[in-house]
């Protein structure tokens, strides 16, 4: 007869790990998007958007970005500003 294991799921620890992963992804996305500024500052927003989508998909495991956020980030990069990704 199998002995009952002592495994107990720690919900709080799991949430902490997930939160850390989300924060790391946001940090990586922020760095990667800000790296585009040097190459795309002053370029048309429509030229910047596909590059943002490519970077976003790469650093989010294939995720997508909404058009309003995409436009906002593209405008920031076009102006030479910095972007900050905050995932909740």
PDB file of N, CA and C in Angstrom:
ATOM      1  N   UNK A   1       0.843  -1.177   0.000  1.00  0.00           N
ATOM      2  CA  UNK A   1       0.000   0.000   0.000  1.00  0.00           C
ATOM      3  C   UNK A   1       0.891   1.244   0.000  1.00  0.00           C
ATOM      4  N   UNK A   2       0.528   2.209  -0.818  1.00  0.00           N
ATOM      5  CA  UNK A   2       1.319   3.435  -0.922  1.00  0.00           C
ATOM      6  C   UNK A   2       1.107   4.307   0.307  1.00  0.00           C
ATOM      7  N   UNK A   3       2.180   4.844   0.761  1.00  0.00           N
ATOM      8  CA  UNK A   3       2.124   5.731   1.906  1.00  0.00           C
ATOM      9  C   UNK A   3       1.718   7.124   1.426  1.00  0.00           C
ATOM     10  N   UNK A   4       0.868   7.782   2.158  1.00  0.00           N
ATOM     11  CA  UNK A   4       0.426   9.127   1.800  1.00  0.00           C
ATOM     12  C   UNK A   4       1.616  10.072   1.872  1.00  0.00           C
ATOM     13  N   UNK A   5       1.852  10.799   0.774  1.00  0.00           N
ATOM     14  CA  UNK A   5       2.985  11.727   0.724  1.00  0.00           C
ATOM     15  C   UNK A   5       2.739  12.960   1.569  1.00  0.00           C
ATOM     16  N   UNK A   6       3.793  13.629   1.865  1.00  0.00           N
ATOM     17  CA  UNK A   6       3.702  14.825   2.679  1.00  0.00           C
ATOM     18  C   UNK A   6       3.671  16.093   1.847  1.00  0.00           C
ATOM     19  N   UNK A   7       3.314  15.977   0.577  1.00  0.00           N
ATOM     20  CA  UNK A   7       3.301  17.155  -0.290  1.00  0.00           C
ATOM     21  C   UNK A   7       2.187  18.103   0.103  1.00  0.00           C
ATOM     22  N   UNK A   8       2.546  19.358   0.264  1.00  0.00           N
ATOM     23  CA  UNK A   8       1.562  20.385   0.559  1.00  0.00           C
ATOM     24  C   UNK A   8       1.859  21.566  -0.352  1.00  0.00           C
ATOM     25  N   UNK A   9       0.866  22.001  -1.091  1.00  0.00           N
ATOM     26  CA  UNK A   9       1.019  23.125  -2.010  1.00  0.00           C
ATOM     27  C   UNK A   9       1.061  24.430  -1.224  1.00  0.00           C
ATOM     28  N   UNK A  10       2.084  25.220  -1.463  1.00  0.00           N
ATOM     29  CA  UNK A  10       2.242  26.508  -0.775  1.00  0.00           C
ATOM     30  C   UNK A  10       1.803  27.616  -1.721  1.00  0.00           C
ATOM     31  N   UNK A  11       0.554  28.018  -1.614  1.00  0.00           N
ATOM     32  CA  UNK A  11      -0.036  29.015  -2.505  1.00  0.00           C
ATOM     33  C   UNK A  11       0.716  30.346  -2.436  1.00  0.00           C
ATOM     34  N   UNK A  12       1.096  30.766  -1.268  1.00  0.00           N
ATOM     35  CA  UNK A  12       1.795  32.041  -1.109  1.00  0.00           C
ATOM     36  C   UNK A  12       3.157  32.009  -1.794  1.00  0.00           C
ATOM     37  N   UNK A  13       3.875  30.915  -1.648  1.00  0.00           N
ATOM     38  CA  UNK A  13       5.181  30.782  -2.291  1.00  0.00           C
ATOM     39  C   UNK A  13       5.031  30.771  -3.811  1.00  0.00           C
ATOM     40  N   UNK A  14       3.988  30.096  -4.303  1.00  0.00           N
ATOM     41  CA  UNK A  14       3.752  30.045  -5.740  1.00  0.00           C
ATOM     42  C   UNK A  14       3.451  31.438  -6.288  1.00  0.00           C
ATOM     43  N   UNK A  15       2.617  32.194  -5.590  1.00  0.00           N
ATOM     44  CA  UNK A  15       2.288  33.555  -6.023  1.00  0.00           C
ATOM     45  C   UNK A  15       3.537  34.431  -6.036  1.00  0.00           C
ATOM     46  N   UNK A  16       4.405  34.247  -5.064  1.00  0.00           N
ATOM     47  CA  UNK A  16       5.639  35.020  -5.006  1.00  0.00           C
ATOM     48  C   UNK A  16       6.528  34.706  -6.207  1.00  0.00           C
ATOM     49  N   UNK A  17       6.653  33.426  -6.541  1.00  0.00           N
ATOM     50  CA  UNK A  17       7.455  33.027  -7.700  1.00  0.00           C
ATOM     51  C   UNK A  17       6.887  33.576  -9.003  1.00  0.00           C
ATOM     52  N   UNK A  18       5.570  33.506  -9.145  1.00  0.00           N
ATOM     53  CA  UNK A  18       4.924  34.029 -10.351  1.00  0.00           C
ATOM     54  C   UNK A  18       5.161  35.534 -10.444  1.00  0.00           C
ATOM     55  N   UNK A  19       4.995  36.241  -9.347  1.00  0.00           N
ATOM     56  CA  UNK A  19       5.197  37.686  -9.331  1.00  0.00           C
ATOM     57  C   UNK A  19       6.634  38.043  -9.705  1.00  0.00           C
ATOM     58  N   UNK A  20       7.588  37.285  -9.199  1.00  0.00           N
ATOM     59  CA  UNK A  20       8.993  37.528  -9.540  1.00  0.00           C
ATOM     60  C   UNK A  20       9.226  37.321 -11.032  1.00  0.00           C
ATOM     61  N   UNK A  21       8.604  36.300 -11.590  1.00  0.00           N
ATOM     62  CA  UNK A  21       8.738  36.033 -13.020  1.00  0.00           C
ATOM     63  C   UNK A  21       8.140  37.149 -13.862  1.00  0.00           C
ATOM     64  N   UNK A  22       6.994  37.642 -13.436  1.00  0.00           N
ATOM     65  CA  UNK A  22       6.338  38.742 -14.157  1.00  0.00           C
ATOM     66  C   UNK A  22       7.199  40.001 -14.083  1.00  0.00           C
ATOM     67  N   UNK A  23       7.739  40.287 -12.916  1.00  0.00           N
ATOM     68  CA  UNK A  23       8.583  41.471 -12.763  1.00  0.00           C
ATOM     69  C   UNK A  23       9.853  41.362 -13.614  1.00  0.00           C
ATOM     70  N   UNK A  24      10.426  40.167 -13.698  1.00  0.00           N
ATOM     71  CA  UNK A  24      11.623  39.947 -14.529  1.00  0.00           C
ATOM     72  C   UNK A  24      11.284  40.165 -16.000  1.00  0.00           C
ATOM     73  N   UNK A  25      10.132  39.647 -16.428  1.00  0.00           N
ATOM     74  CA  UNK A  25       9.727  39.823 -17.822  1.00  0.00           C
ATOM     75  C   UNK A  25       9.509  41.306 -18.124  1.00  0.00           C
ATOM     76  N   UNK A  26       8.889  42.039 -17.222  1.00  0.00           N
ATOM     77  CA  UNK A  26       8.659  43.473 -17.416  1.00  0.00           C
ATOM     78  C   UNK A  26       9.986  44.213 -17.515  1.00  0.00           C
ATOM     79  N   UNK A  27      10.932  43.850 -16.678  1.00  0.00           N
ATOM     80  CA  UNK A  27      12.250  44.470 -16.707  1.00  0.00           C
ATOM     81  C   UNK A  27      12.974  44.175 -18.022  1.00  0.00           C
ATOM     82  N   UNK A  28      12.913  42.922 -18.459  1.00  0.00           N
ATOM     83  CA  UNK A  28      13.551  42.538 -19.727  1.00  0.00           C
ATOM     84  C   UNK A  28      12.909  43.261 -20.907  1.00  0.00           C
ATOM     85  N   UNK A  29      11.592  43.358 -20.907  1.00  0.00           N
ATOM     86  CA  UNK A  29      10.885  44.068 -21.972  1.00  0.00           C
ATOM     87  C   UNK A  29      11.262  45.547 -21.977  1.00  0.00           C
ATOM     88  N   UNK A  30      11.307  46.158 -20.808  1.00  0.00           N
ATOM     89  CA  UNK A  30      11.673  47.571 -20.708  1.00  0.00           C
ATOM     90  C   UNK A  30      13.061  47.801 -21.296  1.00  0.00           C
ATOM     91  N   UNK A  31      14.019  46.970 -20.927  1.00  0.00           N
ATOM     92  CA  UNK A  31      15.389  47.115 -21.443  1.00  0.00           C
ATOM     93  C   UNK A  31      15.446  46.933 -22.950  1.00  0.00           C
ATOM     94  N   UNK A  32      14.771  45.903 -23.454  1.00  0.00           N
ATOM     95  CA  UNK A  32      14.803  45.612 -24.885  1.00  0.00           C
ATOM     96  C   UNK A  32      14.131  46.724 -25.692  1.00  0.00           C
ATOM     97  N   UNK A  33      13.025  47.246 -25.195  1.00  0.00           N
ATOM     98  CA  UNK A  33      12.334  48.320 -25.913  1.00  0.00           C
ATOM     99  C   UNK A  33      13.143  49.611 -25.886  1.00  0.00           C
ATOM    100  N   UNK A  34      13.758  49.919 -24.762  1.00  0.00           N
ATOM    101  CA  UNK A  34      14.577  51.128 -24.688  1.00  0.00           C
ATOM    102  C   UNK A  34      15.817  51.034 -25.565  1.00  0.00           C
ATOM    103  N   UNK A  35      16.265  49.822 -25.839  1.00  0.00           N
ATOM    104  CA  UNK A  35      17.414  49.636 -26.731  1.00  0.00           C
ATOM    105  C   UNK A  35      17.071  50.037 -28.167  1.00  0.00           C
ATOM    106  N   UNK A  36      15.794  50.123 -28.495  1.00  0.00           N
ATOM    107  CA  UNK A  36      15.374  50.516 -29.848  1.00  0.00           C
ATOM    108  C   UNK A  36      15.527  52.016 -30.100  1.00  0.00           C
ATOM    109  N   UNK A  37      15.595  52.805 -29.053  1.00  0.00           N
ATOM    110  CA  UNK A  37      15.598  54.256 -29.197  1.00  0.00           C
ATOM    111  C   UNK A  37      16.736  54.759 -30.088  1.00  0.00           C
ATOM    112  N   UNK A  38      17.927  54.258 -29.897  1.00  0.00           N
ATOM    113  CA  UNK A  38      19.062  54.722 -30.686  1.00  0.00           C
ATOM    114  C   UNK A  38      18.863  54.546 -32.185  1.00  0.00           C
ATOM    115  N   UNK A  39      18.228  53.459 -32.567  1.00  0.00           N
ATOM    116  CA  UNK A  39      18.032  53.154 -33.985  1.00  0.00           C
ATOM    117  C   UNK A  39      16.762  53.764 -34.566  1.00  0.00           C
ATOM    118  N   UNK A  40      15.761  53.988 -33.731  1.00  0.00           N
ATOM    119  CA  UNK A  40      14.458  54.407 -34.242  1.00  0.00           C
ATOM    120  C   UNK A  40      14.030  55.818 -33.836  1.00  0.00           C
ATOM    121  N   UNK A  41      14.838  56.526 -33.060  1.00  0.00           N
ATOM    122  CA  UNK A  41      14.492  57.896 -32.694  1.00  0.00           C
ATOM    123  C   UNK A  41      14.342  58.727 -33.964  1.00  0.00           C
ATOM    124  N   UNK A  42      13.248  59.465 -34.045  1.00  0.00           N
ATOM    125  CA  UNK A  42      12.997  60.319 -35.196  1.00  0.00           C
ATOM    126  C   UNK A  42      12.365  59.621 -36.393  1.00  0.00           C
ATOM    127  N   UNK A  43      12.237  58.295 -36.338  1.00  0.00           N
ATOM    128  CA  UNK A  43      11.634  57.534 -37.439  1.00  0.00           C
ATOM    129  C   UNK A  43      10.107  57.581 -37.316  1.00  0.00           C
ATOM    130  N   UNK A  44       9.407  57.285 -38.405  1.00  0.00           N
ATOM    131  CA  UNK A  44       7.939  57.262 -38.340  1.00  0.00           C
ATOM    132  C   UNK A  44       7.421  56.181 -37.389  1.00  0.00           C
ATOM    133  N   UNK A  45       6.353  56.519 -36.678  1.00  0.00           N
ATOM    134  CA  UNK A  45       5.742  55.593 -35.716  1.00  0.00           C
ATOM    135  C   UNK A  45       5.404  54.266 -36.392  1.00  0.00           C
ATOM    136  N   UNK A  46       4.888  54.326 -37.615  1.00  0.00           N
ATOM    137  CA  UNK A  46       4.492  53.103 -38.325  1.00  0.00           C
ATOM    138  C   UNK A  46       5.694  52.211 -38.642  1.00  0.00           C
ATOM    139  N   UNK A  47       6.881  52.770 -38.669  1.00  0.00           N
ATOM    140  CA  UNK A  47       8.099  51.975 -38.883  1.00  0.00           C
ATOM    141  C   UNK A  47       8.571  51.344 -37.570  1.00  0.00           C
ATOM    142  N   UNK A  48       8.272  51.990 -36.470  1.00  0.00           N
ATOM    143  CA  UNK A  48       8.715  51.519 -35.153  1.00  0.00           C
ATOM    144  C   UNK A  48       7.810  50.408 -34.625  1.00  0.00           C
ATOM    145  N   UNK A  49       6.525  50.496 -34.900  1.00  0.00           N
ATOM    146  CA  UNK A  49       5.552  49.542 -34.350  1.00  0.00           C
ATOM    147  C   UNK A  49       5.897  48.078 -34.625  1.00  0.00           C
ATOM    148  N   UNK A  50       6.249  47.696 -35.856  1.00  0.00           N
ATOM    149  CA  UNK A  50       6.556  46.274 -36.084  1.00  0.00           C
ATOM    150  C   UNK A  50       7.756  45.788 -35.271  1.00  0.00           C
ATOM    151  N   UNK A  51       8.716  46.667 -35.054  1.00  0.00           N
ATOM    152  CA  UNK A  51       9.891  46.283 -34.260  1.00  0.00           C
ATOM    153  C   UNK A  51       9.509  46.096 -32.797  1.00  0.00           C
ATOM    154  N   UNK A  52       8.636  46.948 -32.292  1.00  0.00           N
ATOM    155  CA  UNK A  52       8.145  46.795 -30.921  1.00  0.00           C
ATOM    156  C   UNK A  52       7.399  45.473 -30.791  1.00  0.00           C
ATOM    157  N   UNK A  53       6.551  45.160 -31.755  1.00  0.00           N
ATOM    158  CA  UNK A  53       5.808  43.898 -31.715  1.00  0.00           C
ATOM    159  C   UNK A  53       6.758  42.704 -31.719  1.00  0.00           C
ATOM    160  N   UNK A  54       7.817  42.778 -32.513  1.00  0.00           N
ATOM    161  CA  UNK A  54       8.796  41.689 -32.575  1.00  0.00           C
ATOM    162  C   UNK A  54       9.484  41.507 -31.223  1.00  0.00           C
ATOM    163  N   UNK A  55       9.939  42.606 -30.653  1.00  0.00           N
ATOM    164  CA  UNK A  55      10.615  42.560 -29.349  1.00  0.00           C
ATOM    165  C   UNK A  55       9.651  42.063 -28.276  1.00  0.00           C
ATOM    166  N   UNK A  56       8.422  42.545 -28.312  1.00  0.00           N
ATOM    167  CA  UNK A  56       7.422  42.145 -27.312  1.00  0.00           C
ATOM    168  C   UNK A  56       7.183  40.638 -27.369  1.00  0.00           C
ATOM    169  N   UNK A  57       6.972  40.129 -28.579  1.00  0.00           N
ATOM    170  CA  UNK A  57       6.709  38.690 -28.745  1.00  0.00           C
ATOM    171  C   UNK A  57       7.899  37.862 -28.264  1.00  0.00           C
ATOM    172  N   UNK A  58       9.100  38.317 -28.585  1.00  0.00           N
ATOM    173  CA  UNK A  58      10.314  37.591 -28.201  1.00  0.00           C
ATOM    174  C   UNK A  58      10.466  37.516 -26.682  1.00  0.00           C
ATOM    175  N   UNK A  59      10.222  38.613 -26.005  1.00  0.00           N
ATOM    176  CA  UNK A  59      10.472  38.672 -24.562  1.00  0.00           C
ATOM    177  C   UNK A  59       9.266  38.301 -23.707  1.00  0.00           C
ATOM    178  N   UNK A  60       8.125  38.044 -24.349  1.00  0.00           N
ATOM    179  CA  UNK A  60       6.941  37.670 -23.572  1.00  0.00           C
ATOM    180  C   UNK A  60       6.466  36.271 -23.929  1.00  0.00           C
ATOM    181  N   UNK A  61       7.304  35.515 -24.589  1.00  0.00           N
ATOM    182  CA  UNK A  61       6.929  34.153 -24.946  1.00  0.00           C
ATOM    183  C   UNK A  61       5.841  34.095 -26.002  1.00  0.00           C
ATOM    184  N   UNK A  62       5.839  35.060 -26.910  1.00  0.00           N
ATOM    185  CA  UNK A  62       4.855  35.077 -27.987  1.00  0.00           C
ATOM    186  C   UNK A  62       3.639  35.933 -27.700  1.00  0.00           C
ATOM    187  N   UNK A  63       3.662  36.677 -26.617  1.00  0.00           N
ATOM    188  CA  UNK A  63       2.530  37.531 -26.271  1.00  0.00           C
ATOM    189  C   UNK A  63       2.369  38.694 -27.231  1.00  0.00           C
ATOM    190  N   UNK A  64       1.243  39.363 -27.117  1.00  0.00           N
ATOM    191  CA  UNK A  64       0.977  40.510 -27.979  1.00  0.00           C
ATOM    192  C   UNK A  64       0.746  41.754 -27.134  1.00  0.00           C
ATOM    193  N   UNK A  65       0.747  42.887 -27.799  1.00  0.00           N
ATOM    194  CA  UNK A  65       0.571  44.175 -27.143  1.00  0.00           C
ATOM    195  C   UNK A  65      -0.624  44.862 -27.795  1.00  0.00           C
ATOM    196  N   UNK A  66      -1.401  45.594 -27.008  1.00  0.00           N
ATOM    197  CA  UNK A  66      -2.561  46.278 -27.565  1.00  0.00           C
ATOM    198  C   UNK A  66      -2.112  47.455 -28.418  1.00  0.00           C
ATOM    199  N   UNK A  67      -2.948  47.846 -29.374  1.00  0.00           N
ATOM    200  CA  UNK A  67      -2.568  48.945 -30.267  1.00  0.00           C
ATOM    201  C   UNK A  67      -2.346  50.265 -29.530  1.00  0.00           C
ATOM    202  N   UNK A  68      -3.188  50.626 -28.553  1.00  0.00           N
ATOM    203  CA  UNK A  68      -2.895  51.886 -27.845  1.00  0.00           C
ATOM    204  C   UNK A  68      -1.531  51.874 -27.149  1.00  0.00           C
ATOM    205  N   UNK A  69      -1.170  50.755 -26.526  1.00  0.00           N
ATOM    206  CA  UNK A  69       0.145  50.654 -25.875  1.00  0.00           C
ATOM    207  C   UNK A  69       1.258  50.678 -26.919  1.00  0.00           C
ATOM    208  N   UNK A  70       1.046  49.969 -28.006  1.00  0.00           N
ATOM    209  CA  UNK A  70       2.027  49.920 -29.086  1.00  0.00           C
ATOM    210  C   UNK A  70       2.298  51.324 -29.615  1.00  0.00           C
ATOM    211  N   UNK A  71       1.245  52.075 -29.860  1.00  0.00           N
ATOM    212  CA  UNK A  71       1.392  53.446 -30.358  1.00  0.00           C
ATOM    213  C   UNK A  71       2.092  54.322 -29.336  1.00  0.00           C
ATOM    214  N   UNK A  72       1.716  54.183 -28.080  1.00  0.00           N
ATOM    215  CA  UNK A  72       2.338  54.991 -27.018  1.00  0.00           C
ATOM    216  C   UNK A  72       3.835  54.714 -26.927  1.00  0.00           C
ATOM    217  N   UNK A  73       4.218  53.448 -26.932  1.00  0.00           N
ATOM    218  CA  UNK A  73       5.638  53.102 -26.877  1.00  0.00           C
ATOM    219  C   UNK A  73       6.365  53.611 -28.116  1.00  0.00           C
ATOM    220  N   UNK A  74       5.753  53.465 -29.288  1.00  0.00           N
ATOM    221  CA  UNK A  74       6.386  53.918 -30.530  1.00  0.00           C
ATOM    222  C   UNK A  74       6.609  55.432 -30.505  1.00  0.00           C
ATOM    223  N   UNK A  75       5.636  56.165 -29.996  1.00  0.00           N
ATOM    224  CA  UNK A  75       5.778  57.619 -29.905  1.00  0.00           C
ATOM    225  C   UNK A  75       6.887  58.015 -28.933  1.00  0.00           C
ATOM    226  N   UNK A  76       6.987  57.279 -27.820  1.00  0.00           N
ATOM    227  CA  UNK A  76       8.063  57.552 -26.854  1.00  0.00           C
ATOM    228  C   UNK A  76       9.429  57.310 -27.476  1.00  0.00           C
ATOM    229  N   UNK A  77       9.555  56.192 -28.175  1.00  0.00           N
ATOM    230  CA  UNK A  77      10.834  55.844 -28.811  1.00  0.00           C
ATOM    231  C   UNK A  77      11.150  56.861 -29.907  1.00  0.00           C
ATOM    232  N   UNK A  78      10.156  57.236 -30.687  1.00  0.00           N
ATOM    233  CA  UNK A  78      10.346  58.212 -31.754  1.00  0.00           C
ATOM    234  C   UNK A  78      10.886  59.533 -31.187  1.00  0.00           C
ATOM    235  N   UNK A  79      10.380  59.931 -30.027  1.00  0.00           N
ATOM    236  CA  UNK A  79      10.780  61.182 -29.396  1.00  0.00           C
ATOM    237  C   UNK A  79      12.100  61.074 -28.639  1.00  0.00           C
ATOM    238  N   UNK A  80      12.664  59.866 -28.587  1.00  0.00           N
ATOM    239  CA  UNK A  80      13.917  59.675 -27.867  1.00  0.00           C
ATOM    240  C   UNK A  80      13.731  59.460 -26.381  1.00  0.00           C
ATOM    241  N   UNK A  81      12.494  59.218 -25.969  1.00  0.00           N
ATOM    242  CA  UNK A  81      12.203  59.006 -24.556  1.00  0.00           C
ATOM    243  C   UNK A  81      12.379  57.555 -24.141  1.00  0.00           C
ATOM    244  N   UNK A  82      12.159  57.329 -22.878  1.00  0.00           N
ATOM    245  CA  UNK A  82      12.244  55.974 -22.331  1.00  0.00           C
ATOM    246  C   UNK A  82      10.845  55.441 -22.102  1.00  0.00           C
ATOM    247  N   UNK A  83      10.720  54.134 -22.217  1.00  0.00           N
ATOM    248  CA  UNK A  83       9.460  53.465 -21.924  1.00  0.00           C
ATOM    249  C   UNK A  83       9.665  52.591 -20.700  1.00  0.00           C
ATOM    250  N   UNK A  84       8.570  52.312 -20.008  1.00  0.00           N
ATOM    251  CA  UNK A  84       8.639  51.400 -18.871  1.00  0.00           C
ATOM    252  C   UNK A  84       7.443  50.472 -18.959  1.00  0.00           C
ATOM    253  N   UNK A  85       7.727  49.190 -18.966  1.00  0.00           N
ATOM    254  CA  UNK A  85       6.685  48.175 -19.039  1.00  0.00           C
ATOM    255  C   UNK A  85       6.330  47.763 -17.623  1.00  0.00           C
ATOM    256  N   UNK A  86       5.040  47.829 -17.322  1.00  0.00           N
ATOM    257  CA  UNK A  86       4.536  47.385 -16.013  1.00  0.00           C
ATOM    258  C   UNK A  86       3.469  46.347 -16.280  1.00  0.00           C
ATOM    259  N   UNK A  87       3.716  45.139 -15.843  1.00  0.00           N
ATOM    260  CA  UNK A  87       2.754  44.056 -16.010  1.00  0.00           C
ATOM    261  C   UNK A  87       2.111  43.785 -14.666  1.00  0.00           C
ATOM    262  N   UNK A  88       0.819  43.545 -14.688  1.00  0.00           N
ATOM    263  CA  UNK A  88       0.152  43.288 -13.406  1.00  0.00           C
ATOM    264  C   UNK A  88      -0.370  41.878 -13.366  1.00  0.00           C
TER     265      UNK A  88
END
